Amino acid sequence: MGRRRFDQLVLELSVLLDQRVSRFALWQAVHEAGQNPEDWSGPQAERFCSVELPRWLRRHGFALPESRLQKLARRLARFDPARLTPEEHFARLGD
């Protein structure tokens, strides 16, 4: 279930930056922060987005306003991996 939270981070961050974010580089950053994206809890994801993500973004030449990062952190903390996202619901309609 935690991986879904990480997948959501990759998706939302890519949208915010208007370009695809490297999953592998972000995955490594989460591990370097001492966290496991496979078992990510809401508070862990929120902490990563608030503390580590701004540094990672700067190292990779990206910039986001502090307010956007805070919103992303809160959304990720509230994200429920057990429930389908609206995008996933629409994708299933095509099946």
PDB file of N, CA and C in Angstrom:
ATOM      1  N   MET A   1       0.809  -1.199   0.000  1.00  0.00           N
ATOM      2  CA  MET A   1       0.000   0.000   0.000  1.00  0.00           C
ATOM      3  C   MET A   1       0.853   1.264   0.000  1.00  0.00           C
ATOM      4  N   GLY A   2       2.000   1.229   0.692  1.00  0.00           N
ATOM      5  CA  GLY A   2       2.851   2.404   0.763  1.00  0.00           C
ATOM      6  C   GLY A   2       3.389   2.827  -0.591  1.00  0.00           C
ATOM      7  N   ARG A   3       3.598   1.856  -1.454  1.00  0.00           N
ATOM      8  CA  ARG A   3       4.112   2.185  -2.784  1.00  0.00           C
ATOM      9  C   ARG A   3       3.108   3.054  -3.542  1.00  0.00           C
ATOM     10  N   ARG A   4       1.842   2.862  -3.314  1.00  0.00           N
ATOM     11  CA  ARG A   4       0.828   3.698  -3.977  1.00  0.00           C
ATOM     12  C   ARG A   4       1.004   5.154  -3.567  1.00  0.00           C
ATOM     13  N   ARG A   5       1.390   5.381  -2.329  1.00  0.00           N
ATOM     14  CA  ARG A   5       1.624   6.759  -1.873  1.00  0.00           C
ATOM     15  C   ARG A   5       2.832   7.341  -2.612  1.00  0.00           C
ATOM     16  N   PHE A   6       3.879   6.537  -2.779  1.00  0.00           N
ATOM     17  CA  PHE A   6       5.046   6.987  -3.529  1.00  0.00           C
ATOM     18  C   PHE A   6       4.663   7.260  -4.984  1.00  0.00           C
ATOM     19  N   ASP A   7       3.887   6.357  -5.581  1.00  0.00           N
ATOM     20  CA  ASP A   7       3.434   6.555  -6.960  1.00  0.00           C
ATOM     21  C   ASP A   7       2.645   7.854  -7.089  1.00  0.00           C
ATOM     22  N   GLN A   8       1.841   8.155  -6.093  1.00  0.00           N
ATOM     23  CA  GLN A   8       1.065   9.388  -6.102  1.00  0.00           C
ATOM     24  C   GLN A   8       1.989  10.604  -6.028  1.00  0.00           C
ATOM     25  N   LEU A   9       3.058  10.505  -5.239  1.00  0.00           N
ATOM     26  CA  LEU A   9       4.030  11.594  -5.170  1.00  0.00           C
ATOM     27  C   LEU A   9       4.656  11.834  -6.540  1.00  0.00           C
ATOM     28  N   VAL A  10       5.071  10.777  -7.213  1.00  0.00           N
ATOM     29  CA  VAL A  10       5.687  10.909  -8.535  1.00  0.00           C
ATOM     30  C   VAL A  10       4.707  11.574  -9.495  1.00  0.00           C
ATOM     31  N   LEU A  11       3.475  11.136  -9.479  1.00  0.00           N
ATOM     32  CA  LEU A  11       2.456  11.694 -10.368  1.00  0.00           C
ATOM     33  C   LEU A  11       2.206  13.173 -10.075  1.00  0.00           C
ATOM     34  N   GLU A  12       1.940  13.499  -8.829  1.00  0.00           N
ATOM     35  CA  GLU A  12       1.625  14.882  -8.477  1.00  0.00           C
ATOM     36  C   GLU A  12       2.817  15.810  -8.694  1.00  0.00           C
ATOM     37  N   LEU A  13       4.005  15.338  -8.390  1.00  0.00           N
ATOM     38  CA  LEU A  13       5.197  16.156  -8.583  1.00  0.00           C
ATOM     39  C   LEU A  13       5.452  16.401 -10.073  1.00  0.00           C
ATOM     40  N   SER A  14       5.236  15.391 -10.879  1.00  0.00           N
ATOM     41  CA  SER A  14       5.401  15.547 -12.328  1.00  0.00           C
ATOM     42  C   SER A  14       4.419  16.583 -12.875  1.00  0.00           C
ATOM     43  N   VAL A  15       3.204  16.567 -12.371  1.00  0.00           N
ATOM     44  CA  VAL A  15       2.199  17.541 -12.811  1.00  0.00           C
ATOM     45  C   VAL A  15       2.597  18.944 -12.357  1.00  0.00           C
ATOM     46  N   LEU A  16       3.017  19.075 -11.111  1.00  0.00           N
ATOM     47  CA  LEU A  16       3.416  20.386 -10.595  1.00  0.00           C
ATOM     48  C   LEU A  16       4.598  20.972 -11.373  1.00  0.00           C
ATOM     49  N   LEU A  17       5.531  20.114 -11.760  1.00  0.00           N
ATOM     50  CA  LEU A  17       6.720  20.584 -12.468  1.00  0.00           C
ATOM     51  C   LEU A  17       6.515  20.640 -13.980  1.00  0.00           C
ATOM     52  N   ASP A  18       5.406  20.112 -14.438  1.00  0.00           N
ATOM     53  CA  ASP A  18       5.079  20.075 -15.859  1.00  0.00           C
ATOM     54  C   ASP A  18       6.117  19.300 -16.665  1.00  0.00           C
ATOM     55  N   GLN A  19       6.653  18.275 -16.040  1.00  0.00           N
ATOM     56  CA  GLN A  19       7.546  17.341 -16.729  1.00  0.00           C
ATOM     57  C   GLN A  19       7.687  16.081 -15.892  1.00  0.00           C
ATOM     58  N   ARG A  20       8.062  15.013 -16.555  1.00  0.00           N
ATOM     59  CA  ARG A  20       8.172  13.713 -15.887  1.00  0.00           C
ATOM     60  C   ARG A  20       9.335  13.715 -14.898  1.00  0.00           C
ATOM     61  N   VAL A  21       9.056  13.238 -13.693  1.00  0.00           N
ATOM     62  CA  VAL A  21      10.070  13.138 -12.643  1.00  0.00           C
ATOM     63  C   VAL A  21      10.638  11.724 -12.664  1.00  0.00           C
ATOM     64  N   SER A  22      11.930  11.606 -12.496  1.00  0.00           N
ATOM     65  CA  SER A  22      12.588  10.301 -12.468  1.00  0.00           C
ATOM     66  C   SER A  22      12.181   9.538 -11.210  1.00  0.00           C
ATOM     67  N   ARG A  23      11.451   8.441 -11.419  1.00  0.00           N
ATOM     68  CA  ARG A  23      11.025   7.603 -10.284  1.00  0.00           C
ATOM     69  C   ARG A  23      12.244   7.073  -9.529  1.00  0.00           C
ATOM     70  N   PHE A  24      13.243   6.622 -10.296  1.00  0.00           N
ATOM     71  CA  PHE A  24      14.412   6.021  -9.678  1.00  0.00           C
ATOM     72  C   PHE A  24      15.158   7.025  -8.792  1.00  0.00           C
ATOM     73  N   ALA A  25      15.364   8.228  -9.312  1.00  0.00           N
ATOM     74  CA  ALA A  25      16.076   9.252  -8.530  1.00  0.00           C
ATOM     75  C   ALA A  25      15.290   9.621  -7.270  1.00  0.00           C
ATOM     76  N   LEU A  26      13.990   9.724  -7.407  1.00  0.00           N
ATOM     77  CA  LEU A  26      13.161  10.054  -6.246  1.00  0.00           C
ATOM     78  C   LEU A  26      13.142   8.897  -5.255  1.00  0.00           C
ATOM     79  N   TRP A  27      13.086   7.670  -5.771  1.00  0.00           N
ATOM     80  CA  TRP A  27      13.111   6.467  -4.925  1.00  0.00           C
ATOM     81  C   TRP A  27      14.406   6.449  -4.103  1.00  0.00           C
ATOM     82  N   GLN A  28      15.520   6.755  -4.774  1.00  0.00           N
ATOM     83  CA  GLN A  28      16.804   6.798  -4.065  1.00  0.00           C
ATOM     84  C   GLN A  28      16.799   7.874  -2.989  1.00  0.00           C
ATOM     85  N   ALA A  29      16.197   9.015  -3.275  1.00  0.00           N
ATOM     86  CA  ALA A  29      16.148  10.107  -2.297  1.00  0.00           C
ATOM     87  C   ALA A  29      15.364   9.695  -1.064  1.00  0.00           C
ATOM     88  N   VAL A  30      14.293   8.963  -1.261  1.00  0.00           N
ATOM     89  CA  VAL A  30      13.498   8.489  -0.121  1.00  0.00           C
ATOM     90  C   VAL A  30      14.331   7.526   0.721  1.00  0.00           C
ATOM     91  N   HIS A  31      15.047   6.621   0.057  1.00  0.00           N
ATOM     92  CA  HIS A  31      15.912   5.683   0.790  1.00  0.00           C
ATOM     93  C   HIS A  31      17.038   6.415   1.514  1.00  0.00           C
ATOM     94  N   GLU A  32      17.632   7.407   0.863  1.00  0.00           N
ATOM     95  CA  GLU A  32      18.702   8.179   1.498  1.00  0.00           C
ATOM     96  C   GLU A  32      18.197   8.921   2.731  1.00  0.00           C
ATOM     97  N   ALA A  33      16.919   9.235   2.748  1.00  0.00           N
ATOM     98  CA  ALA A  33      16.311   9.907   3.906  1.00  0.00           C
ATOM     99  C   ALA A  33      15.983   8.911   5.012  1.00  0.00           C
ATOM    100  N   GLY A  34      16.332   7.627   4.789  1.00  0.00           N
ATOM    101  CA  GLY A  34      16.104   6.609   5.809  1.00  0.00           C
ATOM    102  C   GLY A  34      14.693   6.061   5.828  1.00  0.00           C
ATOM    103  N   GLN A  35      13.964   6.241   4.734  1.00  0.00           N
ATOM    104  CA  GLN A  35      12.589   5.755   4.658  1.00  0.00           C
ATOM    105  C   GLN A  35      12.468   4.713   3.559  1.00  0.00           C
ATOM    106  N   ASN A  36      11.429   3.910   3.659  1.00  0.00           N
ATOM    107  CA  ASN A  36      11.183   2.875   2.657  1.00  0.00           C
ATOM    108  C   ASN A  36       9.886   3.206   1.925  1.00  0.00           C
ATOM    109  N   PRO A  37       9.944   3.542   0.644  1.00  0.00           N
ATOM    110  CA  PRO A  37       8.730   3.902  -0.081  1.00  0.00           C
ATOM    111  C   PRO A  37       7.718   2.767  -0.184  1.00  0.00           C
ATOM    112  N   GLU A  38       8.157   1.542   0.039  1.00  0.00           N
ATOM    113  CA  GLU A  38       7.226   0.405   0.020  1.00  0.00           C
ATOM    114  C   GLU A  38       6.297   0.435   1.238  1.00  0.00           C
ATOM    115  N   ASP A  39       6.761   1.004   2.335  1.00  0.00           N
ATOM    116  CA  ASP A  39       5.998   1.023   3.592  1.00  0.00           C
ATOM    117  C   ASP A  39       5.684   2.436   4.053  1.00  0.00           C
ATOM    118  N   TRP A  40       5.584   3.357   3.131  1.00  0.00           N
ATOM    119  CA  TRP A  40       5.421   4.768   3.465  1.00  0.00           C
ATOM    120  C   TRP A  40       4.101   5.058   4.148  1.00  0.00           C
ATOM    121  N   SER A  41       4.178   5.632   5.320  1.00  0.00           N
ATOM    122  CA  SER A  41       2.968   6.096   6.005  1.00  0.00           C
ATOM    123  C   SER A  41       2.726   7.551   5.615  1.00  0.00           C
ATOM    124  N   GLY A  42       1.557   8.049   5.928  1.00  0.00           N
ATOM    125  CA  GLY A  42       1.237   9.442   5.646  1.00  0.00           C
ATOM    126  C   GLY A  42       2.201  10.414   6.307  1.00  0.00           C
ATOM    127  N   PRO A  43       2.456  10.258   7.620  1.00  0.00           N
ATOM    128  CA  PRO A  43       3.390  11.169   8.286  1.00  0.00           C
ATOM    129  C   PRO A  43       4.812  11.101   7.726  1.00  0.00           C
ATOM    130  N   GLN A  44       5.266   9.916   7.338  1.00  0.00           N
ATOM    131  CA  GLN A  44       6.600   9.795   6.742  1.00  0.00           C
ATOM    132  C   GLN A  44       6.670  10.531   5.414  1.00  0.00           C
ATOM    133  N   ALA A  45       5.653  10.356   4.593  1.00  0.00           N
ATOM    134  CA  ALA A  45       5.621  11.033   3.291  1.00  0.00           C
ATOM    135  C   ALA A  45       5.554  12.546   3.477  1.00  0.00           C
ATOM    136  N   GLU A  46       4.770  12.986   4.443  1.00  0.00           N
ATOM    137  CA  GLU A  46       4.652  14.423   4.708  1.00  0.00           C
ATOM    138  C   GLU A  46       5.998  14.995   5.163  1.00  0.00           C
ATOM    139  N   ARG A  47       6.682  14.262   6.018  1.00  0.00           N
ATOM    140  CA  ARG A  47       7.998  14.718   6.485  1.00  0.00           C
ATOM    141  C   ARG A  47       8.996  14.786   5.332  1.00  0.00           C
ATOM    142  N   PHE A  48       8.990  13.767   4.476  1.00  0.00           N
ATOM    143  CA  PHE A  48       9.895  13.767   3.332  1.00  0.00           C
ATOM    144  C   PHE A  48       9.628  14.981   2.444  1.00  0.00           C
ATOM    145  N   CYS A  49       8.371  15.241   2.154  1.00  0.00           N
ATOM    146  CA  CYS A  49       8.011  16.366   1.271  1.00  0.00           C
ATOM    147  C   CYS A  49       8.365  17.708   1.889  1.00  0.00           C
ATOM    148  N   SER A  50       8.319  17.796   3.202  1.00  0.00           N
ATOM    149  CA  SER A  50       8.601  19.059   3.873  1.00  0.00           C
ATOM    150  C   SER A  50      10.091  19.296   4.081  1.00  0.00           C
ATOM    151  N   VAL A  51      10.842  18.236   4.313  1.00  0.00           N
ATOM    152  CA  VAL A  51      12.253  18.372   4.686  1.00  0.00           C
ATOM    153  C   VAL A  51      13.201  18.017   3.538  1.00  0.00           C
ATOM    154  N   GLU A  52      13.039  16.836   2.985  1.00  0.00           N
ATOM    155  CA  GLU A  52      13.995  16.320   1.998  1.00  0.00           C
ATOM    156  C   GLU A  52      13.685  16.742   0.561  1.00  0.00           C
ATOM    157  N   LEU A  53      12.417  16.791   0.208  1.00  0.00           N
ATOM    158  CA  LEU A  53      12.049  17.086  -1.179  1.00  0.00           C
ATOM    159  C   LEU A  53      12.547  18.449  -1.662  1.00  0.00           C
ATOM    160  N   PRO A  54      12.459  19.513  -0.861  1.00  0.00           N
ATOM    161  CA  PRO A  54      12.988  20.794  -1.358  1.00  0.00           C
ATOM    162  C   PRO A  54      14.467  20.718  -1.741  1.00  0.00           C
ATOM    163  N   ARG A  55      15.259  19.992  -0.953  1.00  0.00           N
ATOM    164  CA  ARG A  55      16.687  19.817  -1.275  1.00  0.00           C
ATOM    165  C   ARG A  55      16.865  19.018  -2.555  1.00  0.00           C
ATOM    166  N   TRP A  56      16.083  17.957  -2.700  1.00  0.00           N
ATOM    167  CA  TRP A  56      16.163  17.119  -3.892  1.00  0.00           C
ATOM    168  C   TRP A  56      15.800  17.935  -5.132  1.00  0.00           C
ATOM    169  N   LEU A  57      14.770  18.737  -5.023  1.00  0.00           N
ATOM    170  CA  LEU A  57      14.358  19.574  -6.155  1.00  0.00           C
ATOM    171  C   LEU A  57      15.469  20.538  -6.557  1.00  0.00           C
ATOM    172  N   ARG A  58      16.087  21.188  -5.585  1.00  0.00           N
ATOM    173  CA  ARG A  58      17.179  22.129  -5.885  1.00  0.00           C
ATOM    174  C   ARG A  58      18.346  21.419  -6.564  1.00  0.00           C
ATOM    175  N   ARG A  59      18.719  20.239  -6.057  1.00  0.00           N
ATOM    176  CA  ARG A  59      19.829  19.485  -6.652  1.00  0.00           C
ATOM    177  C   ARG A  59      19.564  19.117  -8.100  1.00  0.00           C
ATOM    178  N   HIS A  60      18.285  18.930  -8.446  1.00  0.00           N
ATOM    179  CA  HIS A  60      17.924  18.530  -9.808  1.00  0.00           C
ATOM    180  C   HIS A  60      17.464  19.706 -10.664  1.00  0.00           C
ATOM    181  N   GLY A  61      17.674  20.905 -10.160  1.00  0.00           N
ATOM    182  CA  GLY A  61      17.388  22.098 -10.952  1.00  0.00           C
ATOM    183  C   GLY A  61      15.923  22.495 -11.033  1.00  0.00           C
ATOM    184  N   PHE A  62      15.112  22.022 -10.087  1.00  0.00           N
ATOM    185  CA  PHE A  62      13.695  22.366 -10.057  1.00  0.00           C
ATOM    186  C   PHE A  62      13.430  23.354  -8.931  1.00  0.00           C
ATOM    187  N   ALA A  63      12.342  24.074  -9.072  1.00  0.00           N
ATOM    188  CA  ALA A  63      11.933  24.999  -8.012  1.00  0.00           C
ATOM    189  C   ALA A  63      10.415  24.999  -7.920  1.00  0.00           C
ATOM    190  N   LEU A  64       9.935  24.930  -6.700  1.00  0.00           N
ATOM    191  CA  LEU A  64       8.505  25.054  -6.422  1.00  0.00           C
ATOM    192  C   LEU A  64       8.337  25.980  -5.230  1.00  0.00           C
ATOM    193  N   PRO A  65       7.300  26.806  -5.243  1.00  0.00           N
ATOM    194  CA  PRO A  65       7.052  27.664  -4.083  1.00  0.00           C
ATOM    195  C   PRO A  65       6.788  26.829  -2.830  1.00  0.00           C
ATOM    196  N   GLU A  66       7.177  27.364  -1.705  1.00  0.00           N
ATOM    197  CA  GLU A  66       6.983  26.688  -0.417  1.00  0.00           C
ATOM    198  C   GLU A  66       5.526  26.288  -0.211  1.00  0.00           C
ATOM    199  N   SER A  67       4.609  27.164  -0.609  1.00  0.00           N
ATOM    200  CA  SER A  67       3.183  26.868  -0.420  1.00  0.00           C
ATOM    201  C   SER A  67       2.755  25.631  -1.216  1.00  0.00           C
ATOM    202  N   ARG A  68       3.290  25.469  -2.415  1.00  0.00           N
ATOM    203  CA  ARG A  68       2.961  24.284  -3.230  1.00  0.00           C
ATOM    204  C   ARG A  68       3.502  23.010  -2.586  1.00  0.00           C
ATOM    205  N   LEU A  69       4.715  23.101  -2.042  1.00  0.00           N
ATOM    206  CA  LEU A  69       5.302  21.937  -1.374  1.00  0.00           C
ATOM    207  C   LEU A  69       4.505  21.559  -0.134  1.00  0.00           C
ATOM    208  N   GLN A  70       4.036  22.551   0.605  1.00  0.00           N
ATOM    209  CA  GLN A  70       3.227  22.278   1.788  1.00  0.00           C
ATOM    210  C   GLN A  70       1.909  21.606   1.410  1.00  0.00           C
ATOM    211  N   LYS A  71       1.271  22.094   0.354  1.00  0.00           N
ATOM    212  CA  LYS A  71       0.020  21.475  -0.104  1.00  0.00           C
ATOM    213  C   LYS A  71       0.255  20.038  -0.556  1.00  0.00           C
ATOM    214  N   LEU A  72       1.350  19.826  -1.278  1.00  0.00           N
ATOM    215  CA  LEU A  72       1.694  18.481  -1.727  1.00  0.00           C
ATOM    216  C   LEU A  72       1.911  17.564  -0.528  1.00  0.00           C
ATOM    217  N   ALA A  73       2.630  18.040   0.465  1.00  0.00           N
ATOM    218  CA  ALA A  73       2.902  17.243   1.668  1.00  0.00           C
ATOM    219  C   ALA A  73       1.602  16.872   2.379  1.00  0.00           C
ATOM    220  N   ARG A  74       0.691  17.833   2.509  1.00  0.00           N
ATOM    221  CA  ARG A  74      -0.592  17.557   3.180  1.00  0.00           C
ATOM    222  C   ARG A  74      -1.436  16.575   2.375  1.00  0.00           C
ATOM    223  N   ARG A  75      -1.488  16.757   1.048  1.00  0.00           N
ATOM    224  CA  ARG A  75      -2.264  15.846   0.202  1.00  0.00           C
ATOM    225  C   ARG A  75      -1.723  14.421   0.294  1.00  0.00           C
ATOM    226  N   LEU A  76      -0.417  14.304   0.288  1.00  0.00           N
ATOM    227  CA  LEU A  76       0.195  12.982   0.359  1.00  0.00           C
ATOM    228  C   LEU A  76      -0.055  12.328   1.718  1.00  0.00           C
ATOM    229  N   ALA A  77      -0.033  13.118   2.772  1.00  0.00           N
ATOM    230  CA  ALA A  77      -0.300  12.582   4.104  1.00  0.00           C
ATOM    231  C   ALA A  77      -1.738  12.079   4.215  1.00  0.00           C
ATOM    232  N   ARG A  78      -2.664  12.762   3.538  1.00  0.00           N
ATOM    233  CA  ARG A  78      -4.080  12.376   3.596  1.00  0.00           C
ATOM    234  C   ARG A  78      -4.436  11.299   2.568  1.00  0.00           C
ATOM    235  N   PHE A  79      -3.555  11.059   1.615  1.00  0.00           N
ATOM    236  CA  PHE A  79      -3.833  10.082   0.554  1.00  0.00           C
ATOM    237  C   PHE A  79      -4.099   8.717   1.168  1.00  0.00           C
ATOM    238  N   ASP A  80      -5.204   8.099   0.752  1.00  0.00           N
ATOM    239  CA  ASP A  80      -5.573   6.778   1.259  1.00  0.00           C
ATOM    240  C   ASP A  80      -5.267   5.739   0.191  1.00  0.00           C
ATOM    241  N   PRO A  81      -4.200   4.964   0.366  1.00  0.00           N
ATOM    242  CA  PRO A  81      -3.813   3.978  -0.648  1.00  0.00           C
ATOM    243  C   PRO A  81      -4.864   2.884  -0.857  1.00  0.00           C
ATOM    244  N   ALA A  82      -5.777   2.723   0.083  1.00  0.00           N
ATOM    245  CA  ALA A  82      -6.795   1.678  -0.037  1.00  0.00           C
ATOM    246  C   ALA A  82      -7.934   2.091  -0.979  1.00  0.00           C
ATOM    247  N   ARG A  83      -8.027   3.365  -1.306  1.00  0.00           N
ATOM    248  CA  ARG A  83      -9.108   3.867  -2.159  1.00  0.00           C
ATOM    249  C   ARG A  83      -8.562   4.232  -3.542  1.00  0.00           C
ATOM    250  N   LEU A  84      -9.368   4.007  -4.537  1.00  0.00           N
ATOM    251  CA  LEU A  84      -8.977   4.364  -5.905  1.00  0.00           C
ATOM    252  C   LEU A  84      -9.004   5.874  -6.082  1.00  0.00           C
ATOM    253  N   THR A  85      -8.073   6.374  -6.849  1.00  0.00           N
ATOM    254  CA  THR A  85      -8.069   7.799  -7.185  1.00  0.00           C
ATOM    255  C   THR A  85      -9.117   8.026  -8.277  1.00  0.00           C
ATOM    256  N   PRO A  86      -9.536   9.270  -8.497  1.00  0.00           N
ATOM    257  CA  PRO A  86     -10.477   9.526  -9.597  1.00  0.00           C
ATOM    258  C   PRO A  86      -9.934   9.046 -10.947  1.00  0.00           C
ATOM    259  N   GLU A  87      -8.641   9.207 -11.159  1.00  0.00           N
ATOM    260  CA  GLU A  87      -8.040   8.747 -12.409  1.00  0.00           C
ATOM    261  C   GLU A  87      -8.187   7.239 -12.575  1.00  0.00           C
ATOM    262  N   GLU A  88      -7.984   6.505 -11.475  1.00  0.00           N
ATOM    263  CA  GLU A  88      -8.105   5.045 -11.523  1.00  0.00           C
ATOM    264  C   GLU A  88      -9.551   4.624 -11.780  1.00  0.00           C
ATOM    265  N   HIS A  89     -10.501   5.356 -11.196  1.00  0.00           N
ATOM    266  CA  HIS A  89     -11.911   5.066 -11.463  1.00  0.00           C
ATOM    267  C   HIS A  89     -12.223   5.205 -12.950  1.00  0.00           C
ATOM    268  N   PHE A  90     -11.775   6.330 -13.550  1.00  0.00           N
ATOM    269  CA  PHE A  90     -12.037   6.569 -14.970  1.00  0.00           C
ATOM    270  C   PHE A  90     -11.336   5.525 -15.848  1.00  0.00           C
ATOM    271  N   ALA A  91     -10.149   5.124 -15.455  1.00  0.00           N
ATOM    272  CA  ALA A  91      -9.420   4.124 -16.236  1.00  0.00           C
ATOM    273  C   ALA A  91     -10.172   2.803 -16.256  1.00  0.00           C
ATOM    274  N   ARG A  92     -10.832   2.477 -15.152  1.00  0.00           N
ATOM    275  CA  ARG A  92     -11.590   1.209 -15.097  1.00  0.00           C
ATOM    276  C   ARG A  92     -12.865   1.253 -15.934  1.00  0.00           C
ATOM    277  N   LEU A  93     -13.370   2.434 -16.207  1.00  0.00           N
ATOM    278  CA  LEU A  93     -14.571   2.542 -17.029  1.00  0.00           C
ATOM    279  C   LEU A  93     -14.327   2.037 -18.440  1.00  0.00           C
ATOM    280  N   GLY A  94     -13.085   2.146 -18.891  1.00  0.00           N
ATOM    281  CA  GLY A  94     -12.744   1.688 -20.231  1.00  0.00           C
ATOM    282  C   GLY A  94     -12.595   0.182 -20.354  1.00  0.00           C
ATOM    283  N   ASP A  95     -12.544  -0.513 -19.223  1.00  0.00           N
ATOM    284  CA  ASP A  95     -12.360  -1.982 -19.255  1.00  0.00           C
ATOM    285  C   ASP A  95     -13.611  -2.702 -19.658  1.00  0.00           C
TER     286      ASP A  95
END
